[in-house]
């Protein structure tokens, strides 16, 4: 965040983007096909993974770096991975 010469505050663009992302509804879960590349928010940040299973109650994702499978039950903790 920066304070401008006129005294107003200007937040970082990334903070605005994150705030906008977390304003979306946690449920219902969006539909994703199997083998879709996604990013899952864990405690240490975003982890890359692939969708294993989709259900209305949550999306199961395999995280190869951690060698484990997690079930995400909140839309805000899951993004489609656009980087290839």
PDB file of N, CA and C in Angstrom:
ATOM      1  N   UNK A   1       0.837  -1.162   0.000  1.00  0.00           N
ATOM      2  CA  UNK A   1       0.000   0.000   0.000  1.00  0.00           C
ATOM      3  C   UNK A   1       0.894   1.240   0.000  1.00  0.00           C
ATOM      4  N   UNK A   2       0.497   2.225  -0.776  1.00  0.00           N
ATOM      5  CA  UNK A   2       1.260   3.476  -0.862  1.00  0.00           C
ATOM      6  C   UNK A   2       0.387   4.641  -0.450  1.00  0.00           C
ATOM      7  N   UNK A   3       1.010   5.633   0.140  1.00  0.00           N
ATOM      8  CA  UNK A   3       0.333   6.891   0.445  1.00  0.00           C
ATOM      9  C   UNK A   3       0.738   7.879  -0.645  1.00  0.00           C
ATOM     10  N   UNK A   4      -0.228   8.399  -1.367  1.00  0.00           N
ATOM     11  CA  UNK A   4       0.035   9.337  -2.453  1.00  0.00           C
ATOM     12  C   UNK A   4       0.264  10.744  -1.902  1.00  0.00           C
ATOM     13  N   UNK A   5       0.750  11.648  -2.748  1.00  0.00           N
ATOM     14  CA  UNK A   5       1.075  13.012  -2.336  1.00  0.00           C
ATOM     15  C   UNK A   5      -0.143  13.761  -1.790  1.00  0.00           C
ATOM     16  N   UNK A   6      -1.330  13.432  -2.296  1.00  0.00           N
ATOM     17  CA  UNK A   6      -2.533  14.115  -1.804  1.00  0.00           C
ATOM     18  C   UNK A   6      -3.085  13.483  -0.521  1.00  0.00           C
ATOM     19  N   UNK A   7      -2.403  12.456   0.015  1.00  0.00           N
ATOM     20  CA  UNK A   7      -2.802  11.836   1.279  1.00  0.00           C
ATOM     21  C   UNK A   7      -3.699  10.626   1.147  1.00  0.00           C
ATOM     22  N   UNK A   8      -4.097  10.261  -0.063  1.00  0.00           N
ATOM     23  CA  UNK A   8      -4.942   9.084  -0.244  1.00  0.00           C
ATOM     24  C   UNK A   8      -4.079   7.828  -0.295  1.00  0.00           C
ATOM     25  N   UNK A   9      -4.694   6.695   0.054  1.00  0.00           N
ATOM     26  CA  UNK A   9      -3.977   5.427   0.029  1.00  0.00           C
ATOM     27  C   UNK A   9      -4.265   4.694  -1.270  1.00  0.00           C
ATOM     28  N   UNK A  10      -3.243   4.063  -1.813  1.00  0.00           N
ATOM     29  CA  UNK A  10      -3.385   3.291  -3.038  1.00  0.00           C
ATOM     30  C   UNK A  10      -2.928   1.862  -2.750  1.00  0.00           C
ATOM     31  N   UNK A  11      -3.864   0.882  -2.718  1.00  0.00           N
ATOM     32  CA  UNK A  11      -3.461  -0.505  -2.453  1.00  0.00           C
ATOM     33  C   UNK A  11      -2.754  -1.113  -3.654  1.00  0.00           C
ATOM     34  N   UNK A  12      -1.975  -2.152  -3.389  1.00  0.00           N
ATOM     35  CA  UNK A  12      -1.294  -2.869  -4.462  1.00  0.00           C
ATOM     36  C   UNK A  12      -2.337  -3.552  -5.345  1.00  0.00           C
ATOM     37  N   UNK A  13      -2.078  -3.646  -6.651  1.00  0.00           N
ATOM     38  CA  UNK A  13      -3.035  -4.323  -7.539  1.00  0.00           C
ATOM     39  C   UNK A  13      -3.266  -5.780  -7.141  1.00  0.00           C
ATOM     40  N   UNK A  14      -2.231  -6.451  -6.645  1.00  0.00           N
ATOM     41  CA  UNK A  14      -2.380  -7.853  -6.256  1.00  0.00           C
ATOM     42  C   UNK A  14      -3.327  -7.992  -5.067  1.00  0.00           C
ATOM     43  N   UNK A  15      -3.322  -7.021  -4.155  1.00  0.00           N
ATOM     44  CA  UNK A  15      -4.223  -7.066  -3.006  1.00  0.00           C
ATOM     45  C   UNK A  15      -5.670  -6.905  -3.464  1.00  0.00           C
ATOM     46  N   UNK A  16      -5.899  -6.041  -4.435  1.00  0.00           N
ATOM     47  CA  UNK A  16      -7.252  -5.869  -4.971  1.00  0.00           C
ATOM     48  C   UNK A  16      -7.734  -7.130  -5.670  1.00  0.00           C
ATOM     49  N   UNK A  17      -6.828  -7.764  -6.416  1.00  0.00           N
ATOM     50  CA  UNK A  17      -7.180  -8.991  -7.128  1.00  0.00           C
ATOM     51  C   UNK A  17      -7.513 -10.109  -6.151  1.00  0.00           C
ATOM     52  N   UNK A  18      -6.719 -10.237  -5.081  1.00  0.00           N
ATOM     53  CA  UNK A  18      -6.967 -11.266  -4.076  1.00  0.00           C
ATOM     54  C   UNK A  18      -8.284 -11.015  -3.355  1.00  0.00           C
ATOM     55  N   UNK A  19      -8.557  -9.757  -3.018  1.00  0.00           N
ATOM     56  CA  UNK A  19      -9.811  -9.424  -2.343  1.00  0.00           C
ATOM     57  C   UNK A  19     -11.005  -9.748  -3.232  1.00  0.00           C
ATOM     58  N   UNK A  20     -10.884  -9.459  -4.513  1.00  0.00           N
ATOM     59  CA  UNK A  20     -11.955  -9.765  -5.460  1.00  0.00           C
ATOM     60  C   UNK A  20     -12.177 -11.276  -5.557  1.00  0.00           C
ATOM     61  N   UNK A  21     -11.084 -12.045  -5.559  1.00  0.00           N
ATOM     62  CA  UNK A  21     -11.170 -13.509  -5.644  1.00  0.00           C
ATOM     63  C   UNK A  21     -11.919 -14.070  -4.441  1.00  0.00           C
ATOM     64  N   UNK A  22     -11.633 -13.559  -3.250  1.00  0.00           N
ATOM     65  CA  UNK A  22     -12.251 -14.098  -2.046  1.00  0.00           C
ATOM     66  C   UNK A  22     -13.665 -13.589  -1.802  1.00  0.00           C
ATOM     67  N   UNK A  23     -14.182 -12.713  -2.648  1.00  0.00           N
ATOM     68  CA  UNK A  23     -15.561 -12.266  -2.531  1.00  0.00           C
ATOM     69  C   UNK A  23     -16.537 -13.245  -3.181  1.00  0.00           C
ATOM     70  N   UNK A  24     -16.034 -14.217  -3.950  1.00  0.00           N
ATOM     71  CA  UNK A  24     -16.933 -15.163  -4.609  1.00  0.00           C
ATOM     72  C   UNK A  24     -17.510 -16.147  -3.587  1.00  0.00           C
ATOM     73  N   UNK A  25     -18.562 -16.800  -3.969  1.00  0.00           N
ATOM     74  CA  UNK A  25     -19.241 -17.753  -3.092  1.00  0.00           C
ATOM     75  C   UNK A  25     -18.423 -19.038  -2.944  1.00  0.00           C
ATOM     76  N   UNK A  26     -18.351 -19.604  -1.733  1.00  0.00           N
ATOM     77  CA  UNK A  26     -17.603 -20.847  -1.542  1.00  0.00           C
ATOM     78  C   UNK A  26     -18.292 -22.072  -2.151  1.00  0.00           C
ATOM     79  N   UNK A  27     -19.602 -22.042  -2.224  1.00  0.00           N
ATOM     80  CA  UNK A  27     -20.369 -23.145  -2.793  1.00  0.00           C
ATOM     81  C   UNK A  27     -21.400 -22.566  -3.738  1.00  0.00           C
ATOM     82  N   UNK A  28     -21.903 -23.244  -4.720  1.00  0.00           N
ATOM     83  CA  UNK A  28     -21.582 -24.608  -5.130  1.00  0.00           C
ATOM     84  C   UNK A  28     -20.235 -24.692  -5.851  1.00  0.00           C
ATOM     85  N   UNK A  29     -19.660 -25.865  -5.818  1.00  0.00           N
ATOM     86  CA  UNK A  29     -18.367 -26.087  -6.466  1.00  0.00           C
ATOM     87  C   UNK A  29     -18.535 -25.989  -7.972  1.00  0.00           C
ATOM     88  N   UNK A  30     -17.535 -25.400  -8.639  1.00  0.00           N
ATOM     89  CA  UNK A  30     -17.581 -25.323 -10.099  1.00  0.00           C
ATOM     90  C   UNK A  30     -17.263 -26.698 -10.680  1.00  0.00           C
ATOM     91  N   UNK A  31     -17.721 -26.936 -11.875  1.00  0.00           N
ATOM     92  CA  UNK A  31     -17.516 -28.228 -12.538  1.00  0.00           C
ATOM     93  C   UNK A  31     -16.141 -28.245 -13.189  1.00  0.00           C
ATOM     94  N   UNK A  32     -15.375 -29.318 -12.935  1.00  0.00           N
ATOM     95  CA  UNK A  32     -14.060 -29.486 -13.553  1.00  0.00           C
ATOM     96  C   UNK A  32     -13.906 -30.924 -14.022  1.00  0.00           C
ATOM     97  N   UNK A  33     -13.339 -31.080 -15.199  1.00  0.00           N
ATOM     98  CA  UNK A  33     -13.108 -32.420 -15.745  1.00  0.00           C
ATOM     99  C   UNK A  33     -11.908 -33.077 -15.083  1.00  0.00           C
ATOM    100  N   UNK A  34     -11.875 -34.398 -15.151  1.00  0.00           N
ATOM    101  CA  UNK A  34     -10.708 -35.126 -14.656  1.00  0.00           C
ATOM    102  C   UNK A  34      -9.479 -34.737 -15.471  1.00  0.00           C
ATOM    103  N   UNK A  35      -8.328 -34.778 -14.855  1.00  0.00           N
ATOM    104  CA  UNK A  35      -7.027 -34.462 -15.451  1.00  0.00           C
ATOM    105  C   UNK A  35      -6.857 -32.974 -15.771  1.00  0.00           C
ATOM    106  N   UNK A  36      -7.738 -32.110 -15.256  1.00  0.00           N
ATOM    107  CA  UNK A  36      -7.577 -30.669 -15.434  1.00  0.00           C
ATOM    108  C   UNK A  36      -6.477 -30.182 -14.505  1.00  0.00           C
ATOM    109  N   UNK A  37      -5.572 -29.350 -15.018  1.00  0.00           N
ATOM    110  CA  UNK A  37      -4.521 -28.772 -14.180  1.00  0.00           C
ATOM    111  C   UNK A  37      -5.118 -27.651 -13.339  1.00  0.00           C
ATOM    112  N   UNK A  38      -4.870 -27.710 -12.031  1.00  0.00           N
ATOM    113  CA  UNK A  38      -5.421 -26.720 -11.113  1.00  0.00           C
ATOM    114  C   UNK A  38      -4.359 -26.286 -10.113  1.00  0.00           C
ATOM    115  N   UNK A  39      -4.666 -25.224  -9.381  1.00  0.00           N
ATOM    116  CA  UNK A  39      -3.852 -24.790  -8.256  1.00  0.00           C
ATOM    117  C   UNK A  39      -4.742 -24.810  -7.022  1.00  0.00           C
ATOM    118  N   UNK A  40      -4.227 -25.391  -5.948  1.00  0.00           N
ATOM    119  CA  UNK A  40      -4.961 -25.512  -4.692  1.00  0.00           C
ATOM    120  C   UNK A  40      -4.262 -24.661  -3.649  1.00  0.00           C
ATOM    121  N   UNK A  41      -5.033 -23.864  -2.909  1.00  0.00           N
ATOM    122  CA  UNK A  41      -4.426 -23.048  -1.867  1.00  0.00           C
ATOM    123  C   UNK A  41      -4.269 -23.881  -0.613  1.00  0.00           C
ATOM    124  N   UNK A  42      -3.012 -24.045  -0.189  1.00  0.00           N
ATOM    125  CA  UNK A  42      -2.688 -24.747   1.058  1.00  0.00           C
ATOM    126  C   UNK A  42      -2.137 -23.691   2.010  1.00  0.00           C
ATOM    127  N   UNK A  43      -1.743 -24.063   3.190  1.00  0.00           N
ATOM    128  CA  UNK A  43      -1.244 -23.116   4.179  1.00  0.00           C
ATOM    129  C   UNK A  43      -0.028 -22.333   3.724  1.00  0.00           C
ATOM    130  N   UNK A  44       0.825 -22.950   2.919  1.00  0.00           N
ATOM    131  CA  UNK A  44       2.065 -22.302   2.482  1.00  0.00           C
ATOM    132  C   UNK A  44       1.934 -21.614   1.133  1.00  0.00           C
ATOM    133  N   UNK A  45       0.754 -21.614   0.527  1.00  0.00           N
ATOM    134  CA  UNK A  45       0.567 -20.970  -0.765  1.00  0.00           C
ATOM    135  C   UNK A  45      -0.151 -21.880  -1.738  1.00  0.00           C
ATOM    136  N   UNK A  46      -0.026 -21.571  -3.019  1.00  0.00           N
ATOM    137  CA  UNK A  46      -0.718 -22.309  -4.074  1.00  0.00           C
ATOM    138  C   UNK A  46       0.127 -23.489  -4.530  1.00  0.00           C
ATOM    139  N   UNK A  47      -0.476 -24.686  -4.568  1.00  0.00           N
ATOM    140  CA  UNK A  47       0.179 -25.924  -5.018  1.00  0.00           C
ATOM    141  C   UNK A  47      -0.466 -26.379  -6.320  1.00  0.00           C
ATOM    142  N   UNK A  48       0.369 -26.833  -7.261  1.00  0.00           N
ATOM    143  CA  UNK A  48      -0.160 -27.343  -8.526  1.00  0.00           C
ATOM    144  C   UNK A  48      -0.599 -28.793  -8.356  1.00  0.00           C
ATOM    145  N   UNK A  49      -1.675 -29.137  -9.062  1.00  0.00           N
ATOM    146  CA  UNK A  49      -2.176 -30.499  -9.014  1.00  0.00           C
ATOM    147  C   UNK A  49      -3.084 -30.782 -10.193  1.00  0.00           C
ATOM    148  N   UNK A  50      -3.656 -32.003 -10.202  1.00  0.00           N
ATOM    149  CA  UNK A  50      -4.594 -32.393 -11.253  1.00  0.00           C
ATOM    150  C   UNK A  50      -5.853 -32.969 -10.610  1.00  0.00           C
ATOM    151  N   UNK A  51      -6.990 -32.701 -11.242  1.00  0.00           N
ATOM    152  CA  UNK A  51      -8.271 -33.166 -10.728  1.00  0.00           C
ATOM    153  C   UNK A  51      -8.369 -34.674 -10.912  1.00  0.00           C
ATOM    154  N   UNK A  52      -8.746 -35.357  -9.835  1.00  0.00           N
ATOM    155  CA  UNK A  52      -8.931 -36.807  -9.859  1.00  0.00           C
ATOM    156  C   UNK A  52     -10.414 -37.147  -9.916  1.00  0.00           C
ATOM    157  N   UNK A  53     -11.224 -36.383  -9.163  1.00  0.00           N
ATOM    158  CA  UNK A  53     -12.650 -36.685  -9.071  1.00  0.00           C
ATOM    159  C   UNK A  53     -13.419 -35.404  -8.771  1.00  0.00           C
ATOM    160  N   UNK A  54     -14.639 -35.306  -9.334  1.00  0.00           N
ATOM    161  CA  UNK A  54     -15.507 -34.169  -9.045  1.00  0.00           C
ATOM    162  C   UNK A  54     -16.797 -34.667  -8.429  1.00  0.00           C
ATOM    163  N   UNK A  55     -17.220 -34.023  -7.351  1.00  0.00           N
ATOM    164  CA  UNK A  55     -18.521 -34.274  -6.726  1.00  0.00           C
ATOM    165  C   UNK A  55     -19.117 -32.926  -6.349  1.00  0.00           C
ATOM    166  N   UNK A  56     -20.404 -32.899  -6.097  1.00  0.00           N
ATOM    167  CA  UNK A  56     -21.053 -31.652  -5.699  1.00  0.00           C
ATOM    168  C   UNK A  56     -20.525 -31.165  -4.351  1.00  0.00           C
ATOM    169  N   UNK A  57     -20.064 -32.084  -3.509  1.00  0.00           N
ATOM    170  CA  UNK A  57     -19.569 -31.712  -2.181  1.00  0.00           C
ATOM    171  C   UNK A  57     -18.102 -31.298  -2.180  1.00  0.00           C
ATOM    172  N   UNK A  58     -17.367 -31.595  -3.252  1.00  0.00           N
ATOM    173  CA  UNK A  58     -15.961 -31.211  -3.302  1.00  0.00           C
ATOM    174  C   UNK A  58     -15.236 -31.799  -4.493  1.00  0.00           C
ATOM    175  N   UNK A  59     -14.043 -31.286  -4.739  1.00  0.00           N
ATOM    176  CA  UNK A  59     -13.215 -31.743  -5.856  1.00  0.00           C
ATOM    177  C   UNK A  59     -11.956 -32.368  -5.278  1.00  0.00           C
ATOM    178  N   UNK A  60     -11.657 -33.599  -5.694  1.00  0.00           N
ATOM    179  CA  UNK A  60     -10.468 -34.296  -5.225  1.00  0.00           C
ATOM    180  C   UNK A  60      -9.333 -34.032  -6.198  1.00  0.00           C
ATOM    181  N   UNK A  61      -8.185 -33.603  -5.650  1.00  0.00           N
ATOM    182  CA  UNK A  61      -7.032 -33.201  -6.456  1.00  0.00           C
ATOM    183  C   UNK A  61      -5.798 -33.949  -5.977  1.00  0.00           C
ATOM    184  N   UNK A  62      -4.997 -34.454  -6.937  1.00  0.00           N
ATOM    185  CA  UNK A  62      -3.711 -35.085  -6.602  1.00  0.00           C
ATOM    186  C   UNK A  62      -2.615 -34.033  -6.729  1.00  0.00           C
ATOM    187  N   UNK A  63      -1.805 -33.898  -5.673  1.00  0.00           N
ATOM    188  CA  UNK A  63      -0.684 -32.954  -5.652  1.00  0.00           C
ATOM    189  C   UNK A  63       0.614 -33.740  -5.784  1.00  0.00           C
ATOM    190  N   UNK A  64       1.227 -33.763  -6.983  1.00  0.00           N
ATOM    191  CA  UNK A  64       2.413 -34.600  -7.193  1.00  0.00           C
ATOM    192  C   UNK A  64       3.619 -34.170  -6.356  1.00  0.00           C
ATOM    193  N   UNK A  65       3.761 -32.901  -6.079  1.00  0.00           N
ATOM    194  CA  UNK A  65       4.913 -32.438  -5.309  1.00  0.00           C
ATOM    195  C   UNK A  65       4.875 -32.937  -3.862  1.00  0.00           C
ATOM    196  N   UNK A  66       3.669 -33.036  -3.312  1.00  0.00           N
ATOM    197  CA  UNK A  66       3.514 -33.537  -1.943  1.00  0.00           C
ATOM    198  C   UNK A  66       3.175 -35.023  -1.916  1.00  0.00           C
ATOM    199  N   UNK A  67       2.909 -35.590  -3.084  1.00  0.00           N
ATOM    200  CA  UNK A  67       2.536 -37.000  -3.230  1.00  0.00           C
ATOM    201  C   UNK A  67       1.338 -37.351  -2.359  1.00  0.00           C
ATOM    202  N   UNK A  68       0.306 -36.499  -2.424  1.00  0.00           N
ATOM    203  CA  UNK A  68      -0.905 -36.798  -1.676  1.00  0.00           C
ATOM    204  C   UNK A  68      -2.131 -36.266  -2.405  1.00  0.00           C
ATOM    205  N   UNK A  69      -3.282 -36.782  -1.999  1.00  0.00           N
ATOM    206  CA  UNK A  69      -4.553 -36.398  -2.577  1.00  0.00           C
ATOM    207  C   UNK A  69      -5.332 -35.590  -1.545  1.00  0.00           C
ATOM    208  N   UNK A  70      -5.910 -34.471  -1.964  1.00  0.00           N
ATOM    209  CA  UNK A  70      -6.711 -33.635  -1.074  1.00  0.00           C
ATOM    210  C   UNK A  70      -8.078 -33.399  -1.691  1.00  0.00           C
ATOM    211  N   UNK A  71      -9.074 -33.181  -0.838  1.00  0.00           N
ATOM    212  CA  UNK A  71     -10.407 -32.833  -1.299  1.00  0.00           C
ATOM    213  C   UNK A  71     -10.665 -31.382  -0.942  1.00  0.00           C
ATOM    214  N   UNK A  72     -10.967 -30.584  -1.952  1.00  0.00           N
ATOM    215  CA  UNK A  72     -11.216 -29.154  -1.765  1.00  0.00           C
ATOM    216  C   UNK A  72     -12.720 -28.951  -1.712  1.00  0.00           C
ATOM    217  N   UNK A  73     -13.188 -28.305  -0.634  1.00  0.00           N
ATOM    218  CA  UNK A  73     -14.625 -28.101  -0.461  1.00  0.00           C
ATOM    219  C   UNK A  73     -15.024 -26.634  -0.500  1.00  0.00           C
ATOM    220  N   UNK A  74     -14.103 -25.777  -0.940  1.00  0.00           N
ATOM    221  CA  UNK A  74     -14.369 -24.342  -1.012  1.00  0.00           C
ATOM    222  C   UNK A  74     -13.843 -23.828  -2.353  1.00  0.00           C
ATOM    223  N   UNK A  75     -14.716 -23.190  -3.137  1.00  0.00           N
ATOM    224  CA  UNK A  75     -14.348 -22.665  -4.456  1.00  0.00           C
ATOM    225  C   UNK A  75     -13.163 -21.712  -4.403  1.00  0.00           C
ATOM    226  N   UNK A  76     -13.040 -20.976  -3.300  1.00  0.00           N
ATOM    227  CA  UNK A  76     -12.011 -19.949  -3.216  1.00  0.00           C
ATOM    228  C   UNK A  76     -10.613 -20.531  -3.064  1.00  0.00           C
ATOM    229  N   UNK A  77     -10.515 -21.818  -2.739  1.00  0.00           N
ATOM    230  CA  UNK A  77      -9.216 -22.464  -2.566  1.00  0.00           C
ATOM    231  C   UNK A  77      -8.780 -23.252  -3.796  1.00  0.00           C
ATOM    232  N   UNK A  78      -9.436 -23.032  -4.920  1.00  0.00           N
ATOM    233  CA  UNK A  78      -9.148 -23.792  -6.132  1.00  0.00           C
ATOM    234  C   UNK A  78      -9.196 -22.868  -7.343  1.00  0.00           C
ATOM    235  N   UNK A  79      -8.139 -22.909  -8.149  1.00  0.00           N
ATOM    236  CA  UNK A  79      -8.081 -22.132  -9.403  1.00  0.00           C
ATOM    237  C   UNK A  79      -7.648 -23.056 -10.523  1.00  0.00           C
ATOM    238  N   UNK A  80      -8.129 -22.772 -11.718  1.00  0.00           N
ATOM    239  CA  UNK A  80      -7.643 -23.504 -12.879  1.00  0.00           C
ATOM    240  C   UNK A  80      -6.259 -22.971 -13.213  1.00  0.00           C
ATOM    241  N   UNK A  81      -5.305 -23.860 -13.457  1.00  0.00           N
ATOM    242  CA  UNK A  81      -3.918 -23.463 -13.730  1.00  0.00           C
ATOM    243  C   UNK A  81      -3.793 -23.047 -15.183  1.00  0.00           C
ATOM    244  N   UNK A  82      -3.484 -21.777 -15.403  1.00  0.00           N
ATOM    245  CA  UNK A  82      -3.355 -21.263 -16.771  1.00  0.00           C
ATOM    246  C   UNK A  82      -1.921 -21.322 -17.283  1.00  0.00           C
ATOM    247  N   UNK A  83      -0.946 -21.509 -16.398  1.00  0.00           N
ATOM    248  CA  UNK A  83       0.459 -21.590 -16.834  1.00  0.00           C
ATOM    249  C   UNK A  83       0.772 -23.014 -17.272  1.00  0.00           C
ATOM    250  N   UNK A  84       1.416 -23.144 -18.401  1.00  0.00           N
ATOM    251  CA  UNK A  84       1.766 -24.489 -18.911  1.00  0.00           C
ATOM    252  C   UNK A  84       3.246 -24.569 -19.123  1.00  0.00           C
TER     253      UNK A  84
END
